[in-house]
């Protein structure tokens, strides 16, 4: 995958999350290593989520992973805590803020499940 494909895939997943109830500020830089290498950031501010293809120097935390592992984390097939403990995800900075990002990822799955249930009821 190219950097652009990885970024778009991650952004698509993140933007599925309803973050309107999150009022704290969170700035996370994601460093993709290996194939498709590059950096982008995820920022949560005032109940809005931003995912942009730039480095974020005033971040709370930096996550470092291969594209394959990071996309698995974002789509929910790999738990971020498990990835961290097995060395598939490196974290630099505030671990608490990394866990807040995990909540946003879990929120994506909850939103998708609600949408699936609503779609089934319509049938």
PDB file of N, CA and C in Angstrom:
ATOM      1  N   UNK A   1       0.838  -1.187   0.000  1.00  0.00           N
ATOM      2  CA  UNK A   1       0.000   0.000   0.000  1.00  0.00           C
ATOM      3  C   UNK A   1       0.881   1.249   0.000  1.00  0.00           C
ATOM      4  N   UNK A   2       0.379   2.279  -0.618  1.00  0.00           N
ATOM      5  CA  UNK A   2       1.089   3.550  -0.586  1.00  0.00           C
ATOM      6  C   UNK A   2       0.691   4.324   0.665  1.00  0.00           C
ATOM      7  N   UNK A   3       1.475   5.339   0.987  1.00  0.00           N
ATOM      8  CA  UNK A   3       1.140   6.199   2.123  1.00  0.00           C
ATOM      9  C   UNK A   3      -0.264   6.784   1.957  1.00  0.00           C
ATOM     10  N   UNK A   4      -0.587   7.245   0.759  1.00  0.00           N
ATOM     11  CA  UNK A   4      -1.884   7.865   0.503  1.00  0.00           C
ATOM     12  C   UNK A   4      -3.025   6.879   0.750  1.00  0.00           C
ATOM     13  N   UNK A   5      -2.852   5.632   0.334  1.00  0.00           N
ATOM     14  CA  UNK A   5      -3.882   4.608   0.554  1.00  0.00           C
ATOM     15  C   UNK A   5      -4.044   4.301   2.042  1.00  0.00           C
ATOM     16  N   UNK A   6      -2.934   4.237   2.746  1.00  0.00           N
ATOM     17  CA  UNK A   6      -2.977   3.972   4.191  1.00  0.00           C
ATOM     18  C   UNK A   6      -3.679   5.122   4.910  1.00  0.00           C
ATOM     19  N   UNK A   7      -3.292   6.345   4.573  1.00  0.00           N
ATOM     20  CA  UNK A   7      -3.904   7.513   5.198  1.00  0.00           C
ATOM     21  C   UNK A   7      -5.409   7.537   4.941  1.00  0.00           C
ATOM     22  N   UNK A   8      -5.828   7.335   3.712  1.00  0.00           N
ATOM     23  CA  UNK A   8      -7.261   7.371   3.374  1.00  0.00           C
ATOM     24  C   UNK A   8      -8.030   6.264   4.088  1.00  0.00           C
ATOM     25  N   UNK A   9      -7.442   5.076   4.173  1.00  0.00           N
ATOM     26  CA  UNK A   9      -8.103   3.964   4.867  1.00  0.00           C
ATOM     27  C   UNK A   9      -8.272   4.287   6.357  1.00  0.00           C
ATOM     28  N   UNK A  10      -7.225   4.815   6.974  1.00  0.00           N
ATOM     29  CA  UNK A  10      -7.302   5.176   8.396  1.00  0.00           C
ATOM     30  C   UNK A  10      -8.302   6.305   8.602  1.00  0.00           C
ATOM     31  N   UNK A  11      -8.246   7.323   7.755  1.00  0.00           N
ATOM     32  CA  UNK A  11      -9.161   8.462   7.891  1.00  0.00           C
ATOM     33  C   UNK A  11     -10.611   8.013   7.741  1.00  0.00           C
ATOM     34  N   UNK A  12     -10.877   7.164   6.779  1.00  0.00           N
ATOM     35  CA  UNK A  12     -12.231   6.657   6.577  1.00  0.00           C
ATOM     36  C   UNK A  12     -12.743   5.963   7.835  1.00  0.00           C
ATOM     37  N   UNK A  13     -11.901   5.136   8.434  1.00  0.00           N
ATOM     38  CA  UNK A  13     -12.314   4.438   9.661  1.00  0.00           C
ATOM     39  C   UNK A  13     -12.542   5.423  10.811  1.00  0.00           C
ATOM     40  N   UNK A  14     -11.595   6.326  11.026  1.00  0.00           N
ATOM     41  CA  UNK A  14     -11.728   7.275  12.127  1.00  0.00           C
ATOM     42  C   UNK A  14     -12.967   8.148  11.984  1.00  0.00           C
ATOM     43  N   UNK A  15     -13.287   8.556  10.783  1.00  0.00           N
ATOM     44  CA  UNK A  15     -14.397   9.479  10.578  1.00  0.00           C
ATOM     45  C   UNK A  15     -15.756   8.821  10.806  1.00  0.00           C
ATOM     46  N   UNK A  16     -15.780   7.520  10.984  1.00  0.00           N
ATOM     47  CA  UNK A  16     -17.022   6.805  11.307  1.00  0.00           C
ATOM     48  C   UNK A  16     -17.423   7.014  12.767  1.00  0.00           C
ATOM     49  N   UNK A  17     -16.512   7.489  13.582  1.00  0.00           N
ATOM     50  CA  UNK A  17     -16.744   7.599  15.020  1.00  0.00           C
ATOM     51  C   UNK A  17     -17.535   8.856  15.368  1.00  0.00           C
ATOM     52  N   UNK A  18     -18.525   8.684  16.231  1.00  0.00           N
ATOM     53  CA  UNK A  18     -19.264   9.826  16.766  1.00  0.00           C
ATOM     54  C   UNK A  18     -18.504  10.306  18.004  1.00  0.00           C
ATOM     55  N   UNK A  19     -17.850  11.434  17.884  1.00  0.00           N
ATOM     56  CA  UNK A  19     -17.028  11.960  18.974  1.00  0.00           C
ATOM     57  C   UNK A  19     -17.669  13.174  19.632  1.00  0.00           C
ATOM     58  N   UNK A  20     -18.928  13.415  19.357  1.00  0.00           N
ATOM     59  CA  UNK A  20     -19.592  14.616  19.874  1.00  0.00           C
ATOM     60  C   UNK A  20     -19.607  14.677  21.402  1.00  0.00           C
ATOM     61  N   UNK A  21     -19.541  13.526  22.064  1.00  0.00           N
ATOM     62  CA  UNK A  21     -19.548  13.529  23.534  1.00  0.00           C
ATOM     63  C   UNK A  21     -18.154  13.698  24.135  1.00  0.00           C
ATOM     64  N   UNK A  22     -17.114  13.623  23.317  1.00  0.00           N
ATOM     65  CA  UNK A  22     -15.751  13.805  23.785  1.00  0.00           C
ATOM     66  C   UNK A  22     -15.418  15.295  23.758  1.00  0.00           C
ATOM     67  N   UNK A  23     -15.238  15.898  24.902  1.00  0.00           N
ATOM     68  CA  UNK A  23     -14.977  17.337  24.963  1.00  0.00           C
ATOM     69  C   UNK A  23     -13.516  17.676  25.243  1.00  0.00           C
ATOM     70  N   UNK A  24     -12.711  16.676  25.547  1.00  0.00           N
ATOM     71  CA  UNK A  24     -11.304  16.927  25.826  1.00  0.00           C
ATOM     72  C   UNK A  24     -10.521  17.121  24.535  1.00  0.00           C
ATOM     73  N   UNK A  25      -9.301  17.618  24.671  1.00  0.00           N
ATOM     74  CA  UNK A  25      -8.414  17.782  23.512  1.00  0.00           C
ATOM     75  C   UNK A  25      -7.455  16.607  23.475  1.00  0.00           C
ATOM     76  N   UNK A  26      -7.287  16.052  22.290  1.00  0.00           N
ATOM     77  CA  UNK A  26      -6.398  14.923  22.095  1.00  0.00           C
ATOM     78  C   UNK A  26      -5.683  15.108  20.759  1.00  0.00           C
ATOM     79  N   UNK A  27      -4.366  15.063  20.782  1.00  0.00           N
ATOM     80  CA  UNK A  27      -3.568  15.180  19.557  1.00  0.00           C
ATOM     81  C   UNK A  27      -2.614  13.998  19.493  1.00  0.00           C
ATOM     82  N   UNK A  28      -2.780  13.185  18.450  1.00  0.00           N
ATOM     83  CA  UNK A  28      -2.002  11.962  18.302  1.00  0.00           C
ATOM     84  C   UNK A  28      -1.344  11.958  16.928  1.00  0.00           C
ATOM     85  N   UNK A  29      -0.049  11.742  16.908  1.00  0.00           N
ATOM     86  CA  UNK A  29       0.643  11.560  15.632  1.00  0.00           C
ATOM     87  C   UNK A  29       0.804  10.069  15.400  1.00  0.00           C
ATOM     88  N   UNK A  30       0.542   9.652  14.187  1.00  0.00           N
ATOM     89  CA  UNK A  30       0.699   8.258  13.791  1.00  0.00           C
ATOM     90  C   UNK A  30       1.884   8.183  12.832  1.00  0.00           C
ATOM     91  N   UNK A  31       2.892   7.414  13.185  1.00  0.00           N
ATOM     92  CA  UNK A  31       4.038   7.188  12.301  1.00  0.00           C
ATOM     93  C   UNK A  31       3.932   5.778  11.741  1.00  0.00           C
ATOM     94  N   UNK A  32       3.752   5.693  10.437  1.00  0.00           N
ATOM     95  CA  UNK A  32       3.724   4.395   9.764  1.00  0.00           C
ATOM     96  C   UNK A  32       5.151   4.075   9.344  1.00  0.00           C
ATOM     97  N   UNK A  33       5.602   2.887   9.701  1.00  0.00           N
ATOM     98  CA  UNK A  33       6.950   2.454   9.345  1.00  0.00           C
ATOM     99  C   UNK A  33       6.859   1.318   8.335  1.00  0.00           C
ATOM    100  N   UNK A  34       7.926   1.139   7.566  1.00  0.00           N
ATOM    101  CA  UNK A  34       7.940   0.085   6.561  1.00  0.00           C
ATOM    102  C   UNK A  34       7.210   0.539   5.306  1.00  0.00           C
ATOM    103  N   UNK A  35       6.543  -0.389   4.664  1.00  0.00           N
ATOM    104  CA  UNK A  35       5.832  -0.082   3.426  1.00  0.00           C
ATOM    105  C   UNK A  35       4.813   1.037   3.638  1.00  0.00           C
ATOM    106  N   UNK A  36       4.817   2.029   2.773  1.00  0.00           N
ATOM    107  CA  UNK A  36       3.888   3.151   2.884  1.00  0.00           C
ATOM    108  C   UNK A  36       4.255   4.132   3.977  1.00  0.00           C
ATOM    109  N   UNK A  37       5.499   4.139   4.365  1.00  0.00           N
ATOM    110  CA  UNK A  37       6.008   4.966   5.463  1.00  0.00           C
ATOM    111  C   UNK A  37       5.563   6.429   5.350  1.00  0.00           C
ATOM    112  N   UNK A  38       5.201   6.995   6.488  1.00  0.00           N
ATOM    113  CA  UNK A  38       4.804   8.402   6.533  1.00  0.00           C
ATOM    114  C   UNK A  38       4.156   8.712   7.872  1.00  0.00           C
ATOM    115  N   UNK A  39       3.724   9.951   8.040  1.00  0.00           N
ATOM    116  CA  UNK A  39       3.116  10.381   9.294  1.00  0.00           C
ATOM    117  C   UNK A  39       1.831  11.138   9.010  1.00  0.00           C
ATOM    118  N   UNK A  40       0.882  11.005   9.939  1.00  0.00           N
ATOM    119  CA  UNK A  40      -0.336  11.799   9.905  1.00  0.00           C
ATOM    120  C   UNK A  40      -0.811  11.973  11.338  1.00  0.00           C
ATOM    121  N   UNK A  41      -1.823  12.808  11.516  1.00  0.00           N
ATOM    122  CA  UNK A  41      -2.291  13.000  12.883  1.00  0.00           C
ATOM    123  C   UNK A  41      -3.798  12.897  12.984  1.00  0.00           C
ATOM    124  N   UNK A  42      -4.214  12.579  14.206  1.00  0.00           N
ATOM    125  CA  UNK A  42      -5.614  12.529  14.583  1.00  0.00           C
ATOM    126  C   UNK A  42      -5.755  13.513  15.731  1.00  0.00           C
ATOM    127  N   UNK A  43      -6.673  14.453  15.579  1.00  0.00           N
ATOM    128  CA  UNK A  43      -6.900  15.435  16.639  1.00  0.00           C
ATOM    129  C   UNK A  43      -8.379  15.480  16.975  1.00  0.00           C
ATOM    130  N   UNK A  44      -8.655  15.462  18.251  1.00  0.00           N
ATOM    131  CA  UNK A  44     -10.001  15.606  18.774  1.00  0.00           C
ATOM    132  C   UNK A  44     -10.046  16.926  19.523  1.00  0.00           C
ATOM    133  N   UNK A  45     -10.937  17.798  19.088  1.00  0.00           N
ATOM    134  CA  UNK A  45     -11.012  19.118  19.705  1.00  0.00           C
ATOM    135  C   UNK A  45     -12.454  19.599  19.666  1.00  0.00           C
ATOM    136  N   UNK A  46     -13.004  19.924  20.838  1.00  0.00           N
ATOM    137  CA  UNK A  46     -14.364  20.461  20.948  1.00  0.00           C
ATOM    138  C   UNK A  46     -15.406  19.572  20.263  1.00  0.00           C
ATOM    139  N   UNK A  47     -15.289  18.268  20.457  1.00  0.00           N
ATOM    140  CA  UNK A  47     -16.260  17.348  19.890  1.00  0.00           C
ATOM    141  C   UNK A  47     -16.143  17.132  18.396  1.00  0.00           C
ATOM    142  N   UNK A  48     -15.047  17.572  17.801  1.00  0.00           N
ATOM    143  CA  UNK A  48     -14.795  17.393  16.370  1.00  0.00           C
ATOM    144  C   UNK A  48     -13.534  16.554  16.178  1.00  0.00           C
ATOM    145  N   UNK A  49     -13.543  15.733  15.154  1.00  0.00           N
ATOM    146  CA  UNK A  49     -12.404  14.874  14.862  1.00  0.00           C
ATOM    147  C   UNK A  49     -11.760  15.322  13.559  1.00  0.00           C
ATOM    148  N   UNK A  50     -10.445  15.458  13.590  1.00  0.00           N
ATOM    149  CA  UNK A  50      -9.677  15.856  12.417  1.00  0.00           C
ATOM    150  C   UNK A  50      -8.617  14.804  12.165  1.00  0.00           C
ATOM    151  N   UNK A  51      -8.467  14.395  10.919  1.00  0.00           N
ATOM    152  CA  UNK A  51      -7.424  13.452  10.525  1.00  0.00           C
ATOM    153  C   UNK A  51      -6.742  14.086   9.316  1.00  0.00           C
ATOM    154  N   UNK A  52      -5.465  14.430   9.482  1.00  0.00           N
ATOM    155  CA  UNK A  52      -4.755  15.182   8.449  1.00  0.00           C
ATOM    156  C   UNK A  52      -3.393  14.553   8.144  1.00  0.00           C
ATOM    157  N   UNK A  53      -2.934  14.673   6.902  1.00  0.00           N
ATOM    158  CA  UNK A  53      -1.674  14.030   6.495  1.00  0.00           C
ATOM    159  C   UNK A  53      -0.427  14.860   6.795  1.00  0.00           C
ATOM    160  N   UNK A  54      -0.272  15.241   8.037  1.00  0.00           N
ATOM    161  CA  UNK A  54       0.874  16.054   8.450  1.00  0.00           C
ATOM    162  C   UNK A  54       1.403  15.548   9.780  1.00  0.00           C
ATOM    163  N   UNK A  55       2.645  15.897  10.080  1.00  0.00           N
ATOM    164  CA  UNK A  55       3.172  15.632  11.421  1.00  0.00           C
ATOM    165  C   UNK A  55       2.558  16.653  12.367  1.00  0.00           C
ATOM    166  N   UNK A  56       2.439  16.282  13.629  1.00  0.00           N
ATOM    167  CA  UNK A  56       1.837  17.159  14.627  1.00  0.00           C
ATOM    168  C   UNK A  56       2.842  17.275  15.768  1.00  0.00           C
ATOM    169  N   UNK A  57       3.563  18.356  15.800  1.00  0.00           N
ATOM    170  CA  UNK A  57       4.661  18.484  16.761  1.00  0.00           C
ATOM    171  C   UNK A  57       4.196  18.784  18.181  1.00  0.00           C
ATOM    172  N   UNK A  58       3.024  19.368  18.338  1.00  0.00           N
ATOM    173  CA  UNK A  58       2.510  19.694  19.671  1.00  0.00           C
ATOM    174  C   UNK A  58       1.531  18.614  20.124  1.00  0.00           C
ATOM    175  N   UNK A  59       1.931  17.381  19.964  1.00  0.00           N
ATOM    176  CA  UNK A  59       1.060  16.232  20.229  1.00  0.00           C
ATOM    177  C   UNK A  59       1.161  15.779  21.683  1.00  0.00           C
ATOM    178  N   UNK A  60       0.168  14.998  22.068  1.00  0.00           N
ATOM    179  CA  UNK A  60       0.204  14.354  23.385  1.00  0.00           C
ATOM    180  C   UNK A  60       0.961  13.029  23.327  1.00  0.00           C
ATOM    181  N   UNK A  61       0.817  12.336  22.199  1.00  0.00           N
ATOM    182  CA  UNK A  61       1.379  10.995  22.084  1.00  0.00           C
ATOM    183  C   UNK A  61       1.659  10.685  20.613  1.00  0.00           C
ATOM    184  N   UNK A  62       2.657   9.838  20.401  1.00  0.00           N
ATOM    185  CA  UNK A  62       2.969   9.366  19.050  1.00  0.00           C
ATOM    186  C   UNK A  62       2.863   7.849  19.051  1.00  0.00           C
ATOM    187  N   UNK A  63       2.153   7.312  18.048  1.00  0.00           N
ATOM    188  CA  UNK A  63       2.028   5.876  17.868  1.00  0.00           C
ATOM    189  C   UNK A  63       2.842   5.475  16.651  1.00  0.00           C
ATOM    190  N   UNK A  64       3.575   4.382  16.768  1.00  0.00           N
ATOM    191  CA  UNK A  64       4.447   3.917  15.697  1.00  0.00           C
ATOM    192  C   UNK A  64       4.115   2.453  15.414  1.00  0.00           C
ATOM    193  N   UNK A  65       3.768   2.179  14.145  1.00  0.00           N
ATOM    194  CA  UNK A  65       3.410   0.808  13.765  1.00  0.00           C
ATOM    195  C   UNK A  65       3.534   0.652  12.256  1.00  0.00           C
ATOM    196  N   UNK A  66       3.530  -0.597  11.811  1.00  0.00           N
ATOM    197  CA  UNK A  66       3.450  -0.841  10.373  1.00  0.00           C
ATOM    198  C   UNK A  66       2.031  -0.517   9.921  1.00  0.00           C
ATOM    199  N   UNK A  67       1.875  -0.295   8.639  1.00  0.00           N
ATOM    200  CA  UNK A  67       0.543  -0.004   8.096  1.00  0.00           C
ATOM    201  C   UNK A  67      -0.414  -1.154   8.386  1.00  0.00           C
ATOM    202  N   UNK A  68       0.052  -2.366   8.171  1.00  0.00           N
ATOM    203  CA  UNK A  68      -0.789  -3.552   8.378  1.00  0.00           C
ATOM    204  C   UNK A  68      -1.316  -3.602   9.812  1.00  0.00           C
ATOM    205  N   UNK A  69      -0.430  -3.434  10.775  1.00  0.00           N
ATOM    206  CA  UNK A  69      -0.852  -3.506  12.175  1.00  0.00           C
ATOM    207  C   UNK A  69      -1.724  -2.321  12.563  1.00  0.00           C
ATOM    208  N   UNK A  70      -1.372  -1.118  12.105  1.00  0.00           N
ATOM    209  CA  UNK A  70      -2.165   0.041  12.494  1.00  0.00           C
ATOM    210  C   UNK A  70      -3.582  -0.039  11.921  1.00  0.00           C
ATOM    211  N   UNK A  71      -3.703  -0.462  10.681  1.00  0.00           N
ATOM    212  CA  UNK A  71      -5.041  -0.576  10.092  1.00  0.00           C
ATOM    213  C   UNK A  71      -5.863  -1.655  10.787  1.00  0.00           C
ATOM    214  N   UNK A  72      -5.214  -2.704  11.261  1.00  0.00           N
ATOM    215  CA  UNK A  72      -5.921  -3.726  12.051  1.00  0.00           C
ATOM    216  C   UNK A  72      -6.412  -3.125  13.369  1.00  0.00           C
ATOM    217  N   UNK A  73      -5.604  -2.272  13.979  1.00  0.00           N
ATOM    218  CA  UNK A  73      -6.015  -1.614  15.228  1.00  0.00           C
ATOM    219  C   UNK A  73      -7.233  -0.734  14.960  1.00  0.00           C
ATOM    220  N   UNK A  74      -7.167   0.052  13.907  1.00  0.00           N
ATOM    221  CA  UNK A  74      -8.253   0.987  13.604  1.00  0.00           C
ATOM    222  C   UNK A  74      -9.542   0.260  13.226  1.00  0.00           C
ATOM    223  N   UNK A  75      -9.436  -0.865  12.506  1.00  0.00           N
ATOM    224  CA  UNK A  75     -10.674  -1.552  12.131  1.00  0.00           C
ATOM    225  C   UNK A  75     -11.163  -2.524  13.203  1.00  0.00           C
ATOM    226  N   UNK A  76     -10.440  -2.597  14.320  1.00  0.00           N
ATOM    227  CA  UNK A  76     -10.900  -3.381  15.456  1.00  0.00           C
ATOM    228  C   UNK A  76     -10.484  -4.834  15.461  1.00  0.00           C
ATOM    229  N   UNK A  77      -9.716  -5.273  14.474  1.00  0.00           N
ATOM    230  CA  UNK A  77      -9.306  -6.682  14.461  1.00  0.00           C
ATOM    231  C   UNK A  77      -8.054  -6.940  15.305  1.00  0.00           C
ATOM    232  N   UNK A  78      -7.405  -5.873  15.771  1.00  0.00           N
ATOM    233  CA  UNK A  78      -6.255  -6.001  16.672  1.00  0.00           C
ATOM    234  C   UNK A  78      -6.421  -4.980  17.787  1.00  0.00           C
ATOM    235  N   UNK A  79      -6.473  -5.448  19.009  1.00  0.00           N
ATOM    236  CA  UNK A  79      -6.603  -4.562  20.163  1.00  0.00           C
ATOM    237  C   UNK A  79      -5.304  -3.789  20.359  1.00  0.00           C
ATOM    238  N   UNK A  80      -5.412  -2.491  20.551  1.00  0.00           N
ATOM    239  CA  UNK A  80      -4.232  -1.632  20.684  1.00  0.00           C
ATOM    240  C   UNK A  80      -3.380  -2.020  21.892  1.00  0.00           C
ATOM    241  N   UNK A  81      -4.012  -2.378  22.990  1.00  0.00           N
ATOM    242  CA  UNK A  81      -3.257  -2.770  24.188  1.00  0.00           C
ATOM    243  C   UNK A  81      -2.468  -4.044  23.904  1.00  0.00           C
ATOM    244  N   UNK A  82      -3.105  -4.995  23.216  1.00  0.00           N
ATOM    245  CA  UNK A  82      -2.417  -6.237  22.858  1.00  0.00           C
ATOM    246  C   UNK A  82      -1.273  -5.937  21.889  1.00  0.00           C
ATOM    247  N   UNK A  83      -1.515  -5.048  20.927  1.00  0.00           N
ATOM    248  CA  UNK A  83      -0.464  -4.680  19.974  1.00  0.00           C
ATOM    249  C   UNK A  83       0.722  -4.058  20.706  1.00  0.00           C
ATOM    250  N   UNK A  84       0.442  -3.229  21.699  1.00  0.00           N
ATOM    251  CA  UNK A  84       1.497  -2.590  22.474  1.00  0.00           C
ATOM    252  C   UNK A  84       2.289  -3.620  23.274  1.00  0.00           C
ATOM    253  N   UNK A  85       1.590  -4.513  23.929  1.00  0.00           N
ATOM    254  CA  UNK A  85       2.280  -5.493  24.771  1.00  0.00           C
ATOM    255  C   UNK A  85       3.078  -6.511  23.960  1.00  0.00           C
ATOM    256  N   UNK A  86       2.696  -6.722  22.701  1.00  0.00           N
ATOM    257  CA  UNK A  86       3.427  -7.676  21.858  1.00  0.00           C
ATOM    258  C   UNK A  86       4.461  -6.990  20.966  1.00  0.00           C
ATOM    259  N   UNK A  87       4.598  -5.670  21.101  1.00  0.00           N
ATOM    260  CA  UNK A  87       5.614  -4.946  20.350  1.00  0.00           C
ATOM    261  C   UNK A  87       5.208  -4.532  18.942  1.00  0.00           C
ATOM    262  N   UNK A  88       3.966  -4.749  18.575  1.00  0.00           N
ATOM    263  CA  UNK A  88       3.503  -4.347  17.243  1.00  0.00           C
ATOM    264  C   UNK A  88       3.178  -2.861  17.179  1.00  0.00           C
ATOM    265  N   UNK A  89       3.018  -2.252  18.340  1.00  0.00           N
ATOM    266  CA  UNK A  89       2.721  -0.827  18.444  1.00  0.00           C
ATOM    267  C   UNK A  89       3.662  -0.227  19.469  1.00  0.00           C
ATOM    268  N   UNK A  90       4.383   0.821  19.059  1.00  0.00           N
ATOM    269  CA  UNK A  90       5.231   1.562  20.000  1.00  0.00           C
ATOM    270  C   UNK A  90       4.526   2.869  20.314  1.00  0.00           C
ATOM    271  N   UNK A  91       4.679   3.301  21.556  1.00  0.00           N
ATOM    272  CA  UNK A  91       4.030   4.530  22.011  1.00  0.00           C
ATOM    273  C   UNK A  91       5.073   5.431  22.638  1.00  0.00           C
ATOM    274  N   UNK A  92       5.100   6.681  22.194  1.00  0.00           N
ATOM    275  CA  UNK A  92       5.973   7.695  22.791  1.00  0.00           C
ATOM    276  C   UNK A  92       5.084   8.812  23.320  1.00  0.00           C
ATOM    277  N   UNK A  93       5.191   9.088  24.593  1.00  0.00           N
ATOM    278  CA  UNK A  93       4.382  10.149  25.182  1.00  0.00           C
ATOM    279  C   UNK A  93       3.392   9.607  26.197  1.00  0.00           C
ATOM    280  N   UNK A  94       2.274  10.264  26.320  1.00  0.00           N
ATOM    281  CA  UNK A  94       1.263  10.017  27.342  1.00  0.00           C
ATOM    282  C   UNK A  94       0.452   8.755  27.036  1.00  0.00           C
ATOM    283  N   UNK A  95       0.673   7.693  27.812  1.00  0.00           N
ATOM    284  CA  UNK A  95      -0.063   6.444  27.601  1.00  0.00           C
ATOM    285  C   UNK A  95      -1.557   6.629  27.831  1.00  0.00           C
ATOM    286  N   UNK A  96      -1.926   7.500  28.746  1.00  0.00           N
ATOM    287  CA  UNK A  96      -3.339   7.780  29.000  1.00  0.00           C
ATOM    288  C   UNK A  96      -4.024   8.332  27.769  1.00  0.00           C
ATOM    289  N   UNK A  97      -3.337   9.191  27.038  1.00  0.00           N
ATOM    290  CA  UNK A  97      -3.890   9.758  25.807  1.00  0.00           C
ATOM    291  C   UNK A  97      -3.997   8.685  24.723  1.00  0.00           C
ATOM    292  N   UNK A  98      -3.067   7.751  24.711  1.00  0.00           N
ATOM    293  CA  UNK A  98      -3.160   6.637  23.758  1.00  0.00           C
ATOM    294  C   UNK A  98      -4.408   5.812  24.051  1.00  0.00           C
ATOM    295  N   UNK A  99      -4.722   5.637  25.323  1.00  0.00           N
ATOM    296  CA  UNK A  99      -5.927   4.895  25.698  1.00  0.00           C
ATOM    297  C   UNK A  99      -7.190   5.664  25.305  1.00  0.00           C
ATOM    298  N   UNK A 100      -7.135   6.997  25.334  1.00  0.00           N
ATOM    299  CA  UNK A 100      -8.280   7.789  24.876  1.00  0.00           C
ATOM    300  C   UNK A 100      -8.526   7.538  23.387  1.00  0.00           C
ATOM    301  N   UNK A 101      -7.460   7.424  22.616  1.00  0.00           N
ATOM    302  CA  UNK A 101      -7.622   7.117  21.197  1.00  0.00           C
ATOM    303  C   UNK A 101      -8.247   5.738  21.033  1.00  0.00           C
ATOM    304  N   UNK A 102      -7.873   4.797  21.886  1.00  0.00           N
ATOM    305  CA  UNK A 102      -8.476   3.462  21.848  1.00  0.00           C
ATOM    306  C   UNK A 102      -9.985   3.568  22.075  1.00  0.00           C
ATOM    307  N   UNK A 103     -10.428   4.473  22.944  1.00  0.00           N
ATOM    308  CA  UNK A 103     -11.872   4.667  23.171  1.00  0.00           C
ATOM    309  C   UNK A 103     -12.561   5.139  21.896  1.00  0.00           C
ATOM    310  N   UNK A 104     -11.916   6.006  21.152  1.00  0.00           N
ATOM    311  CA  UNK A 104     -12.488   6.491  19.894  1.00  0.00           C
ATOM    312  C   UNK A 104     -12.605   5.333  18.904  1.00  0.00           C
ATOM    313  N   UNK A 105     -11.597   4.490  18.848  1.00  0.00           N
ATOM    314  CA  UNK A 105     -11.628   3.331  17.961  1.00  0.00           C
ATOM    315  C   UNK A 105     -12.753   2.384  18.365  1.00  0.00           C
ATOM    316  N   UNK A 106     -12.909   2.151  19.664  1.00  0.00           N
ATOM    317  CA  UNK A 106     -14.002   1.301  20.134  1.00  0.00           C
ATOM    318  C   UNK A 106     -15.349   1.929  19.804  1.00  0.00           C
ATOM    319  N   UNK A 107     -15.421   3.241  19.842  1.00  0.00           N
ATOM    320  CA  UNK A 107     -16.646   3.952  19.515  1.00  0.00           C
ATOM    321  C   UNK A 107     -17.029   3.733  18.049  1.00  0.00           C
ATOM    322  N   UNK A 108     -16.038   3.585  17.169  1.00  0.00           N
ATOM    323  CA  UNK A 108     -16.306   3.298  15.755  1.00  0.00           C
ATOM    324  C   UNK A 108     -17.084   1.990  15.649  1.00  0.00           C
ATOM    325  N   UNK A 109     -16.639   0.995  16.370  1.00  0.00           N
ATOM    326  CA  UNK A 109     -17.291  -0.314  16.305  1.00  0.00           C
ATOM    327  C   UNK A 109     -18.712  -0.235  16.851  1.00  0.00           C
ATOM    328  N   UNK A 110     -18.915   0.519  17.935  1.00  0.00           N
ATOM    329  CA  UNK A 110     -20.265   0.677  18.491  1.00  0.00           C
ATOM    330  C   UNK A 110     -21.177   1.357  17.479  1.00  0.00           C
ATOM    331  N   UNK A 111     -20.682   2.376  16.816  1.00  0.00           N
ATOM    332  CA  UNK A 111     -21.470   3.093  15.812  1.00  0.00           C
ATOM    333  C   UNK A 111     -21.834   2.162  14.665  1.00  0.00           C
ATOM    334  N   UNK A 112     -20.879   1.356  14.210  1.00  0.00           N
ATOM    335  CA  UNK A 112     -21.147   0.421  13.119  1.00  0.00           C
ATOM    336  C   UNK A 112     -22.195  -0.617  13.516  1.00  0.00           C
ATOM    337  N   UNK A 113     -22.126  -1.112  14.757  1.00  0.00           N
ATOM    338  CA  UNK A 113     -23.103  -2.097  15.218  1.00  0.00           C
ATOM    339  C   UNK A 113     -24.502  -1.493  15.266  1.00  0.00           C
ATOM    340  N   UNK A 114     -24.609  -0.249  15.732  1.00  0.00           N
ATOM    341  CA  UNK A 114     -25.909   0.423  15.756  1.00  0.00           C
ATOM    342  C   UNK A 114     -26.468   0.566  14.347  1.00  0.00           C
ATOM    343  N   UNK A 115     -25.612   0.939  13.405  1.00  0.00           N
ATOM    344  CA  UNK A 115     -26.047   1.098  12.017  1.00  0.00           C
ATOM    345  C   UNK A 115     -26.490  -0.234  11.420  1.00  0.00           C
ATOM    346  N   UNK A 116     -25.788  -1.310  11.752  1.00  0.00           N
ATOM    347  CA  UNK A 116     -26.156  -2.624  11.251  1.00  0.00           C
ATOM    348  C   UNK A 116     -27.507  -3.056  11.811  1.00  0.00           C
ATOM    349  N   UNK A 117     -27.737  -2.799  13.108  1.00  0.00           N
ATOM    350  CA  UNK A 117     -29.022  -3.144  13.718  1.00  0.00           C
ATOM    351  C   UNK A 117     -30.154  -2.340  13.082  1.00  0.00           C
ATOM    352  N   UNK A 118     -29.909  -1.064  12.855  1.00  0.00           N
ATOM    353  CA  UNK A 118     -30.927  -0.218  12.234  1.00  0.00           C
ATOM    354  C   UNK A 118     -31.233  -0.688  10.818  1.00  0.00           C
ATOM    355  N   UNK A 119     -30.230  -1.096  10.084  1.00  0.00           N
ATOM    356  CA  UNK A 119     -30.423  -1.594   8.722  1.00  0.00           C
ATOM    357  C   UNK A 119     -31.230  -2.895   8.721  1.00  0.00           C
ATOM    358  N   UNK A 120     -30.984  -3.770   9.697  1.00  0.00           N
ATOM    359  CA  UNK A 120     -31.718  -5.030   9.788  1.00  0.00           C
ATOM    360  C   UNK A 120     -33.186  -4.772  10.113  1.00  0.00           C
ATOM    361  N   UNK A 121     -33.448  -3.788  10.967  1.00  0.00           N
ATOM    362  CA  UNK A 121     -34.835  -3.470  11.339  1.00  0.00           C
ATOM    363  C   UNK A 121     -35.620  -2.937  10.143  1.00  0.00           C
ATOM    364  N   UNK A 122     -34.947  -2.238   9.245  1.00  0.00           N
ATOM    365  CA  UNK A 122     -35.601  -1.684   8.059  1.00  0.00           C
ATOM    366  C   UNK A 122     -36.004  -2.776   7.071  1.00  0.00           C
ATOM    367  N   UNK A 123     -35.317  -3.920   7.113  1.00  0.00           N
ATOM    368  CA  UNK A 123     -35.591  -5.002   6.156  1.00  0.00           C
ATOM    369  C   UNK A 123     -36.838  -5.722   6.497  1.00  0.00           C
TER     370      UNK A 123
END
